[in-house]
């Protein structure tokens, strides 16, 4: 019986820790389809940021016109340069 309680407690704690790393649903960024993005391109209120790895970006023949490329590994170095009152789209 003691081992059964210990196993249940261990399973509960494992589930608790696994769930602790998730972002609450209300804090997740909304998603946008390419169909929703297309009419917005060129708007002064939109900033499209390409966060693909450097090699993927460099050798890609598909880039969104007007998008800027940023290193996804170090967002702390570039996030502050984009206005928070704009719609920021990351891909």
Protein backbone atom coordinates (compact mmCIF):
# COMPACT_ATOMS: atom_id res chain seq x y z
CA UNK A 1 0.00 0.00 0.00
CA UNK A 2 2.84 2.36 0.85
CA UNK A 3 4.43 1.83 -2.58
CA UNK A 4 1.10 2.47 -4.29
CA UNK A 5 0.77 5.84 -2.52
CA UNK A 6 4.35 6.71 -3.43
CA UNK A 7 3.70 5.80 -7.09
CA UNK A 8 0.54 7.92 -7.19
CA UNK A 9 2.35 10.88 -5.57
CA UNK A 10 5.25 10.54 -8.03
CA UNK A 11 2.87 10.44 -11.01
CA UNK A 12 0.98 13.48 -9.71
CA UNK A 13 4.18 15.47 -9.23
CA UNK A 14 5.41 14.49 -12.71
CA UNK A 15 2.16 15.70 -14.28
CA UNK A 16 2.33 18.89 -12.23
CA UNK A 17 5.84 19.67 -13.43
CA UNK A 18 5.05 18.81 -17.04
CA UNK A 19 2.06 21.17 -17.02
CA UNK A 20 4.00 23.94 -15.26
CA UNK A 21 6.07 24.64 -18.37
CA UNK A 22 3.10 25.31 -20.64
CA UNK A 23 1.96 28.79 -21.54
CA UNK A 24 -1.57 29.49 -20.33
CA UNK A 25 -3.99 29.66 -23.30
CA UNK A 26 -4.73 33.36 -22.78
CA UNK A 27 -1.03 34.19 -23.21
CA UNK A 28 -0.47 32.31 -26.48
CA UNK A 29 0.09 34.42 -29.55
CA UNK A 30 -2.74 34.32 -32.07
CA UNK A 31 -2.05 32.56 -35.35
CA UNK A 32 -2.58 34.05 -38.79
CA UNK A 33 -2.99 32.29 -42.10
CA UNK A 34 -1.25 33.45 -45.26
CA UNK A 35 -4.67 34.39 -46.61
CA UNK A 36 -5.20 36.72 -43.63
CA UNK A 37 -1.70 38.19 -43.95
CA UNK A 38 -1.72 38.87 -47.69
CA UNK A 39 -4.10 41.87 -47.69
CA UNK A 40 -2.20 43.40 -44.77
CA UNK A 41 1.19 43.41 -46.55
CA UNK A 42 2.48 46.92 -47.15
CA UNK A 43 0.54 48.38 -44.21
CA UNK A 44 2.44 50.83 -42.02
CA UNK A 45 0.94 49.08 -38.98
CA UNK A 46 2.46 45.70 -39.85
CA UNK A 47 5.97 44.37 -39.26
CA UNK A 48 6.77 40.92 -40.65
CA UNK A 49 9.78 39.32 -38.97
CA UNK A 50 11.34 36.23 -40.53
CA UNK A 51 12.81 34.18 -37.69
CA UNK A 52 14.06 31.24 -39.67
CA UNK A 53 17.57 30.06 -38.95
CA UNK A 54 20.21 31.98 -40.92
CA UNK A 55 20.97 29.13 -43.30
CA UNK A 56 17.29 28.43 -44.00
CA UNK A 57 16.68 32.12 -44.69
CA UNK A 58 19.79 32.63 -46.81
CA UNK A 59 19.09 29.74 -49.17
CA UNK A 60 15.33 30.17 -49.41
CA UNK A 61 13.78 31.41 -52.63
CA UNK A 62 10.55 32.17 -50.76
CA UNK A 63 10.59 35.34 -48.71
CA UNK A 64 7.77 37.70 -47.82
CA UNK A 65 8.36 41.09 -49.47
CA UNK A 66 9.22 43.71 -46.87
CA UNK A 67 9.96 41.17 -44.13
CA UNK A 68 13.03 41.66 -41.98
CA UNK A 69 15.21 38.76 -40.88
CA UNK A 70 16.19 38.34 -37.23
CA UNK A 71 18.12 35.64 -35.41
CA UNK A 72 15.61 33.46 -33.55
CA UNK A 73 18.22 32.39 -30.99
CA UNK A 74 18.65 35.87 -29.50
CA UNK A 75 15.30 37.74 -29.48
CA UNK A 76 16.45 39.80 -26.49
CA UNK A 77 18.90 41.58 -28.80
CA UNK A 78 16.30 42.76 -31.33
CA UNK A 79 12.78 42.69 -29.83
CA UNK A 80 12.98 46.20 -28.37
CA UNK A 81 13.56 47.83 -31.75
CA UNK A 82 10.05 46.95 -32.95
CA UNK A 83 7.12 49.14 -31.85
CA UNK A 84 4.61 47.42 -29.59
CA UNK A 85 1.70 49.32 -31.15
CA UNK A 86 2.22 47.56 -34.50
CA UNK A 87 1.07 44.12 -35.54
CA UNK A 88 4.16 41.92 -35.38
CA UNK A 89 4.04 38.76 -37.48
CA UNK A 90 6.73 36.14 -36.91
CA UNK A 91 7.41 33.32 -39.32
